[in-house]
Amino acid sequence: VYDISNKRRLGLTEFEAIQEMRKG
């Protein structure tokens, strides 16, 4: 079991960050 999360927090919106995590 691994913890997988979005890496980027700066230079993008909250919505873009959540979409990056979702697609990943």
PDB file of all heavy atoms in Angstrom:
ATOM      1  N   VAL A   1       0.851  -1.196   0.000  1.00  0.00           N
ATOM      2  CA  VAL A   1       0.000   0.000   0.000  1.00  0.00           C
ATOM      3  C   VAL A   1       0.886   1.245   0.000  1.00  0.00           C
ATOM      4  O   VAL A   1       1.794   1.375   0.829  1.00  0.00           O
ATOM      5  CB  VAL A   1      -0.941   0.029   1.235  1.00  0.00           C
ATOM      6  CG1 VAL A   1      -1.759   1.315   1.253  1.00  0.00           C
ATOM      7  CG2 VAL A   1      -1.870  -1.176   1.236  1.00  0.00           C
ATOM      8  N   TYR A   2       0.618   2.147  -0.942  1.00  0.00           N
ATOM      9  CA  TYR A   2       1.392   3.389  -1.043  1.00  0.00           C
ATOM     10  C   TYR A   2       0.486   4.605  -0.922  1.00  0.00           C
ATOM     11  O   TYR A   2      -0.712   4.530  -1.197  1.00  0.00           O
ATOM     12  CB  TYR A   2       2.138   3.446  -2.391  1.00  0.00           C
ATOM     13  CG  TYR A   2       3.400   2.619  -2.379  1.00  0.00           C
ATOM     14  CD1 TYR A   2       3.332   1.242  -2.566  1.00  0.00           C
ATOM     15  CD2 TYR A   2       4.641   3.198  -2.154  1.00  0.00           C
ATOM     16  CE1 TYR A   2       4.478   0.462  -2.533  1.00  0.00           C
ATOM     17  CE2 TYR A   2       5.798   2.428  -2.122  1.00  0.00           C
ATOM     18  CZ  TYR A   2       5.710   1.063  -2.311  1.00  0.00           C
ATOM     19  OH  TYR A   2       6.846   0.304  -2.258  1.00  0.00           O
ATOM     20  N   ASP A   3       1.103   5.692  -0.520  1.00  0.00           N
ATOM     21  CA  ASP A   3       0.426   6.991  -0.469  1.00  0.00           C
ATOM     22  C   ASP A   3       0.820   7.711  -1.750  1.00  0.00           C
ATOM     23  O   ASP A   3       1.987   8.017  -1.969  1.00  0.00           O
ATOM     24  CB  ASP A   3       0.926   7.745   0.779  1.00  0.00           C
ATOM     25  CG  ASP A   3       0.365   9.155   0.882  1.00  0.00           C
ATOM     26  OD1 ASP A   3       0.537   9.939  -0.081  1.00  0.00           O
ATOM     27  OD2 ASP A   3      -0.200   9.503   1.921  1.00  0.00           O
ATOM     28  N   ILE A   4      -0.151   7.957  -2.619  1.00  0.00           N
ATOM     29  CA  ILE A   4       0.116   8.640  -3.901  1.00  0.00           C
ATOM     30  C   ILE A   4      -0.540  10.015  -3.852  1.00  0.00           C
ATOM     31  O   ILE A   4      -1.732  10.135  -3.557  1.00  0.00           O
ATOM     32  CB  ILE A   4      -0.498   7.848  -5.083  1.00  0.00           C
ATOM     33  CG1 ILE A   4       0.065   6.420  -5.147  1.00  0.00           C
ATOM     34  CG2 ILE A   4      -0.304   8.597  -6.403  1.00  0.00           C
ATOM     35  CD1 ILE A   4       1.387   6.270  -5.829  1.00  0.00           C
ATOM     36  N   SER A   5       0.248  11.067  -4.119  1.00  0.00           N
ATOM     37  CA  SER A   5      -0.314  12.431  -4.033  1.00  0.00           C
ATOM     38  C   SER A   5       0.202  13.318  -5.159  1.00  0.00           C
ATOM     39  O   SER A   5       1.170  12.977  -5.839  1.00  0.00           O
ATOM     40  CB  SER A   5       0.054  13.059  -2.684  1.00  0.00           C
ATOM     41  OG  SER A   5       1.464  13.219  -2.596  1.00  0.00           O
ATOM     42  N   ASN A   6      -0.465  14.466  -5.317  1.00  0.00           N
ATOM     43  CA  ASN A   6      -0.001  15.455  -6.296  1.00  0.00           C
ATOM     44  C   ASN A   6       1.317  16.048  -5.814  1.00  0.00           C
ATOM     45  O   ASN A   6       1.508  16.281  -4.627  1.00  0.00           O
ATOM     46  CB  ASN A   6      -1.034  16.576  -6.476  1.00  0.00           C
ATOM     47  CG  ASN A   6      -1.311  17.329  -5.182  1.00  0.00           C
ATOM     48  OD1 ASN A   6      -1.713  16.734  -4.178  1.00  0.00           O
ATOM     49  ND2 ASN A   6      -1.084  18.636  -5.171  1.00  0.00           N
ATOM     50  N   LYS A   7       2.217  16.299  -6.728  1.00  0.00           N
ATOM     51  CA  LYS A   7       3.534  16.820  -6.353  1.00  0.00           C
ATOM     52  C   LYS A   7       3.561  18.344  -6.411  1.00  0.00           C
ATOM     53  O   LYS A   7       4.232  18.991  -5.629  1.00  0.00           O
ATOM     54  CB  LYS A   7       4.564  16.250  -7.327  1.00  0.00           C
ATOM     55  CG  LYS A   7       5.946  16.118  -6.733  1.00  0.00           C
ATOM     56  CD  LYS A   7       6.821  15.296  -7.652  1.00  0.00           C
ATOM     57  CE  LYS A   7       8.204  15.140  -7.055  1.00  0.00           C
ATOM     58  NZ  LYS A   7       9.041  14.319  -7.917  1.00  0.00           N
ATOM     59  N   ARG A   8       2.835  18.906  -7.378  1.00  0.00           N
ATOM     60  CA  ARG A   8       2.940  20.362  -7.603  1.00  0.00           C
ATOM     61  C   ARG A   8       1.893  21.126  -6.790  1.00  0.00           C
ATOM     62  O   ARG A   8       0.729  20.740  -6.738  1.00  0.00           O
ATOM     63  CB  ARG A   8       2.761  20.668  -9.094  1.00  0.00           C
ATOM     64  CG  ARG A   8       3.790  19.957  -9.960  1.00  0.00           C
ATOM     65  CD  ARG A   8       3.927  20.576 -11.313  1.00  0.00           C
ATOM     66  NE  ARG A   8       2.663  20.655 -12.040  1.00  0.00           N
ATOM     67  CZ  ARG A   8       2.424  21.529 -13.032  1.00  0.00           C
ATOM     68  NH1 ARG A   8       3.347  22.396 -13.376  1.00  0.00           N
ATOM     69  NH2 ARG A   8       1.269  21.516 -13.651  1.00  0.00           N
ATOM     70  N   ARG A   9       2.328  22.210  -6.152  1.00  0.00           N
ATOM     71  CA  ARG A   9       1.390  23.052  -5.413  1.00  0.00           C
ATOM     72  C   ARG A   9       1.418  24.508  -5.849  1.00  0.00           C
ATOM     73  O   ARG A   9       0.531  25.269  -5.555  1.00  0.00           O
ATOM     74  CB  ARG A   9       1.721  23.040  -3.919  1.00  0.00           C
ATOM     75  CG  ARG A   9       1.997  21.695  -3.352  1.00  0.00           C
ATOM     76  CD  ARG A   9       1.846  21.673  -1.852  1.00  0.00           C
ATOM     77  NE  ARG A   9       2.687  20.700  -1.201  1.00  0.00           N
ATOM     78  CZ  ARG A   9       2.616  19.398  -1.404  1.00  0.00           C
ATOM     79  NH1 ARG A   9       1.742  18.908  -2.248  1.00  0.00           N
ATOM     80  NH2 ARG A   9       3.425  18.574  -0.770  1.00  0.00           N
ATOM     81  N   LEU A  10       2.503  24.888  -6.524  1.00  0.00           N
ATOM     82  CA  LEU A  10       2.705  26.296  -6.881  1.00  0.00           C
ATOM     83  C   LEU A  10       2.564  26.497  -8.385  1.00  0.00           C
ATOM     84  O   LEU A  10       3.025  25.671  -9.170  1.00  0.00           O
ATOM     85  CB  LEU A  10       4.110  26.734  -6.435  1.00  0.00           C
ATOM     86  CG  LEU A  10       4.493  28.186  -6.692  1.00  0.00           C
ATOM     87  CD1 LEU A  10       3.689  29.129  -5.811  1.00  0.00           C
ATOM     88  CD2 LEU A  10       5.983  28.412  -6.451  1.00  0.00           C
ATOM     89  N   GLY A  11       1.905  27.600  -8.787  1.00  0.00           N
ATOM     90  CA  GLY A  11       1.819  27.931 -10.205  1.00  0.00           C
ATOM     91  C   GLY A  11       0.643  27.292 -10.919  1.00  0.00           C
ATOM     92  O   GLY A  11       0.548  27.327 -12.138  1.00  0.00           O
ATOM     93  N   LEU A  12      -0.266  26.682 -10.144  1.00  0.00           N
ATOM     94  CA  LEU A  12      -1.469  26.099 -10.742  1.00  0.00           C
ATOM     95  C   LEU A  12      -2.620  26.288  -9.766  1.00  0.00           C
ATOM     96  O   LEU A  12      -2.401  26.562  -8.585  1.00  0.00           O
ATOM     97  CB  LEU A  12      -1.253  24.621 -11.095  1.00  0.00           C
ATOM     98  CG  LEU A  12      -1.170  23.564  -9.986  1.00  0.00           C
ATOM     99  CD1 LEU A  12      -1.086  22.169 -10.613  1.00  0.00           C
ATOM    100  CD2 LEU A  12      -0.021  23.753  -9.042  1.00  0.00           C
ATOM    101  N   THR A  13      -3.848  26.172 -10.253  1.00  0.00           N
ATOM    102  CA  THR A  13      -4.999  26.373  -9.362  1.00  0.00           C
ATOM    103  C   THR A  13      -5.262  25.096  -8.559  1.00  0.00           C
ATOM    104  O   THR A  13      -4.750  24.021  -8.883  1.00  0.00           O
ATOM    105  CB  THR A  13      -6.281  26.697 -10.160  1.00  0.00           C
ATOM    106  OG1 THR A  13      -6.618  25.540 -10.952  1.00  0.00           O
ATOM    107  CG2 THR A  13      -6.108  27.911 -11.053  1.00  0.00           C
ATOM    108  N   GLU A  14      -6.094  25.229  -7.542  1.00  0.00           N
ATOM    109  CA  GLU A  14      -6.502  24.065  -6.738  1.00  0.00           C
ATOM    110  C   GLU A  14      -7.149  23.008  -7.628  1.00  0.00           C
ATOM    111  O   GLU A  14      -6.892  21.814  -7.476  1.00  0.00           O
ATOM    112  CB  GLU A  14      -7.500  24.497  -5.647  1.00  0.00           C
ATOM    113  CG  GLU A  14      -6.908  25.303  -4.524  1.00  0.00           C
ATOM    114  CD  GLU A  14      -6.662  26.775  -4.848  1.00  0.00           C
ATOM    115  OE1 GLU A  14      -6.982  27.233  -5.977  1.00  0.00           O
ATOM    116  OE2 GLU A  14      -6.142  27.471  -3.962  1.00  0.00           O
ATOM    117  N   PHE A  15      -7.977  23.477  -8.556  1.00  0.00           N
ATOM    118  CA  PHE A  15      -8.682  22.547  -9.444  1.00  0.00           C
ATOM    119  C   PHE A  15      -7.689  21.794 -10.338  1.00  0.00           C
ATOM    120  O   PHE A  15      -7.816  20.594 -10.553  1.00  0.00           O
ATOM    121  CB  PHE A  15      -9.712  23.307 -10.293  1.00  0.00           C
ATOM    122  CG  PHE A  15     -10.626  22.404 -11.080  1.00  0.00           C
ATOM    123  CD1 PHE A  15     -11.380  21.437 -10.441  1.00  0.00           C
ATOM    124  CD2 PHE A  15     -10.733  22.519 -12.469  1.00  0.00           C
ATOM    125  CE1 PHE A  15     -12.235  20.585 -11.166  1.00  0.00           C
ATOM    126  CE2 PHE A  15     -11.573  21.684 -13.194  1.00  0.00           C
ATOM    127  CZ  PHE A  15     -12.329  20.718 -12.536  1.00  0.00           C
ATOM    128  N   GLU A  16      -6.668  22.516 -10.826  1.00  0.00           N
ATOM    129  CA  GLU A  16      -5.654  21.854 -11.660  1.00  0.00           C
ATOM    130  C   GLU A  16      -4.850  20.839 -10.835  1.00  0.00           C
ATOM    131  O   GLU A  16      -4.508  19.761 -11.318  1.00  0.00           O
ATOM    132  CB  GLU A  16      -4.713  22.900 -12.276  1.00  0.00           C
ATOM    133  CG  GLU A  16      -5.359  23.685 -13.400  1.00  0.00           C
ATOM    134  CD  GLU A  16      -4.577  24.929 -13.810  1.00  0.00           C
ATOM    135  OE1 GLU A  16      -3.789  25.456 -13.006  1.00  0.00           O
ATOM    136  OE2 GLU A  16      -4.779  25.377 -14.947  1.00  0.00           O
ATOM    137  N   ALA A  17      -4.573  21.186  -9.574  1.00  0.00           N
ATOM    138  CA  ALA A  17      -3.811  20.273  -8.706  1.00  0.00           C
ATOM    139  C   ALA A  17      -4.603  18.990  -8.447  1.00  0.00           C
ATOM    140  O   ALA A  17      -4.057  17.880  -8.493  1.00  0.00           O
ATOM    141  CB  ALA A  17      -3.468  20.959  -7.387  1.00  0.00           C
ATOM    142  N   ILE A  18      -5.898  19.147  -8.202  1.00  0.00           N
ATOM    143  CA  ILE A  18      -6.723  17.967  -7.912  1.00  0.00           C
ATOM    144  C   ILE A  18      -6.871  17.101  -9.172  1.00  0.00           C
ATOM    145  O   ILE A  18      -6.871  15.872  -9.105  1.00  0.00           O
ATOM    146  CB  ILE A  18      -8.105  18.375  -7.314  1.00  0.00           C
ATOM    147  CG1 ILE A  18      -8.646  17.243  -6.413  1.00  0.00           C
ATOM    148  CG2 ILE A  18      -9.158  18.679  -8.343  1.00  0.00           C
ATOM    149  CD1 ILE A  18      -8.206  17.294  -5.008  1.00  0.00           C
ATOM    150  N   GLN A  19      -6.944  17.755 -10.334  1.00  0.00           N
ATOM    151  CA  GLN A  19      -7.050  17.001 -11.594  1.00  0.00           C
ATOM    152  C   GLN A  19      -5.747  16.251 -11.884  1.00  0.00           C
ATOM    153  O   GLN A  19      -5.768  15.134 -12.406  1.00  0.00           O
ATOM    154  CB  GLN A  19      -7.365  17.953 -12.766  1.00  0.00           C
ATOM    155  CG  GLN A  19      -8.776  18.517 -12.752  1.00  0.00           C
ATOM    156  CD  GLN A  19      -9.840  17.495 -13.131  1.00  0.00           C
ATOM    157  OE1 GLN A  19      -9.706  16.300 -12.875  1.00  0.00           O
ATOM    158  NE2 GLN A  19     -10.927  17.951 -13.720  1.00  0.00           N
ATOM    159  N   GLU A  20      -4.626  16.854 -11.534  1.00  0.00           N
ATOM    160  CA  GLU A  20      -3.336  16.194 -11.748  1.00  0.00           C
ATOM    161  C   GLU A  20      -3.246  14.925 -10.904  1.00  0.00           C
ATOM    162  O   GLU A  20      -2.794  13.880 -11.353  1.00  0.00           O
ATOM    163  CB  GLU A  20      -2.192  17.157 -11.363  1.00  0.00           C
ATOM    164  CG  GLU A  20      -1.216  17.311 -12.484  1.00  0.00           C
ATOM    165  CD  GLU A  20      -0.219  18.447 -12.316  1.00  0.00           C
ATOM    166  OE1 GLU A  20       0.399  18.591 -11.249  1.00  0.00           O
ATOM    167  OE2 GLU A  20      -0.046  19.202 -13.291  1.00  0.00           O
ATOM    168  N   MET A  21      -3.693  15.053  -9.649  1.00  0.00           N
ATOM    169  CA  MET A  21      -3.686  13.892  -8.761  1.00  0.00           C
ATOM    170  C   MET A  21      -4.647  12.820  -9.294  1.00  0.00           C
ATOM    171  O   MET A  21      -4.316  11.640  -9.370  1.00  0.00           O
ATOM    172  CB  MET A  21      -4.087  14.344  -7.353  1.00  0.00           C
ATOM    173  CG  MET A  21      -4.260  13.227  -6.348  1.00  0.00           C
ATOM    174  SD  MET A  21      -5.999  12.682  -6.272  1.00  0.00           S
ATOM    175  CE  MET A  21      -6.009  11.770  -4.743  1.00  0.00           C
ATOM    176  N   ARG A  22      -5.851  13.243  -9.698  1.00  0.00           N
ATOM    177  CA  ARG A  22      -6.853  12.287 -10.189  1.00  0.00           C
ATOM    178  C   ARG A  22      -6.329  11.514 -11.408  1.00  0.00           C
ATOM    179  O   ARG A  22      -6.388  10.278 -11.453  1.00  0.00           O
ATOM    180  CB  ARG A  22      -8.124  13.027 -10.599  1.00  0.00           C
ATOM    181  CG  ARG A  22      -9.091  12.138 -11.385  1.00  0.00           C
ATOM    182  CD  ARG A  22     -10.276  12.897 -11.914  1.00  0.00           C
ATOM    183  NE  ARG A  22     -10.025  13.686 -13.085  1.00  0.00           N
ATOM    184  CZ  ARG A  22     -10.389  13.346 -14.332  1.00  0.00           C
ATOM    185  NH1 ARG A  22     -11.004  12.209 -14.546  1.00  0.00           N
ATOM    186  NH2 ARG A  22     -10.160  14.143 -15.337  1.00  0.00           N
ATOM    187  N   LYS A  23      -5.794  12.251 -12.387  1.00  0.00           N
ATOM    188  CA  LYS A  23      -5.302  11.591 -13.610  1.00  0.00           C
ATOM    189  C   LYS A  23      -4.145  10.656 -13.286  1.00  0.00           C
ATOM    190  O   LYS A  23      -4.032   9.565 -13.850  1.00  0.00           O
ATOM    191  CB  LYS A  23      -4.886  12.632 -14.643  1.00  0.00           C
ATOM    192  CG  LYS A  23      -6.102  13.310 -15.268  1.00  0.00           C
ATOM    193  CD  LYS A  23      -5.723  14.504 -16.122  1.00  0.00           C
ATOM    194  CE  LYS A  23      -6.985  15.219 -16.614  1.00  0.00           C
ATOM    195  NZ  LYS A  23      -6.759  16.627 -16.937  1.00  0.00           N
ATOM    196  N   GLY A  24      -3.297  11.098 -12.347  1.00  0.00           N
ATOM    197  CA  GLY A  24      -2.165  10.262 -11.936  1.00  0.00           C
ATOM    198  C   GLY A  24      -2.636   8.958 -11.317  1.00  0.00           C
ATOM    199  O   GLY A  24      -2.137   7.874 -11.646  1.00  0.00           O
TER     200      GLY A  24
END
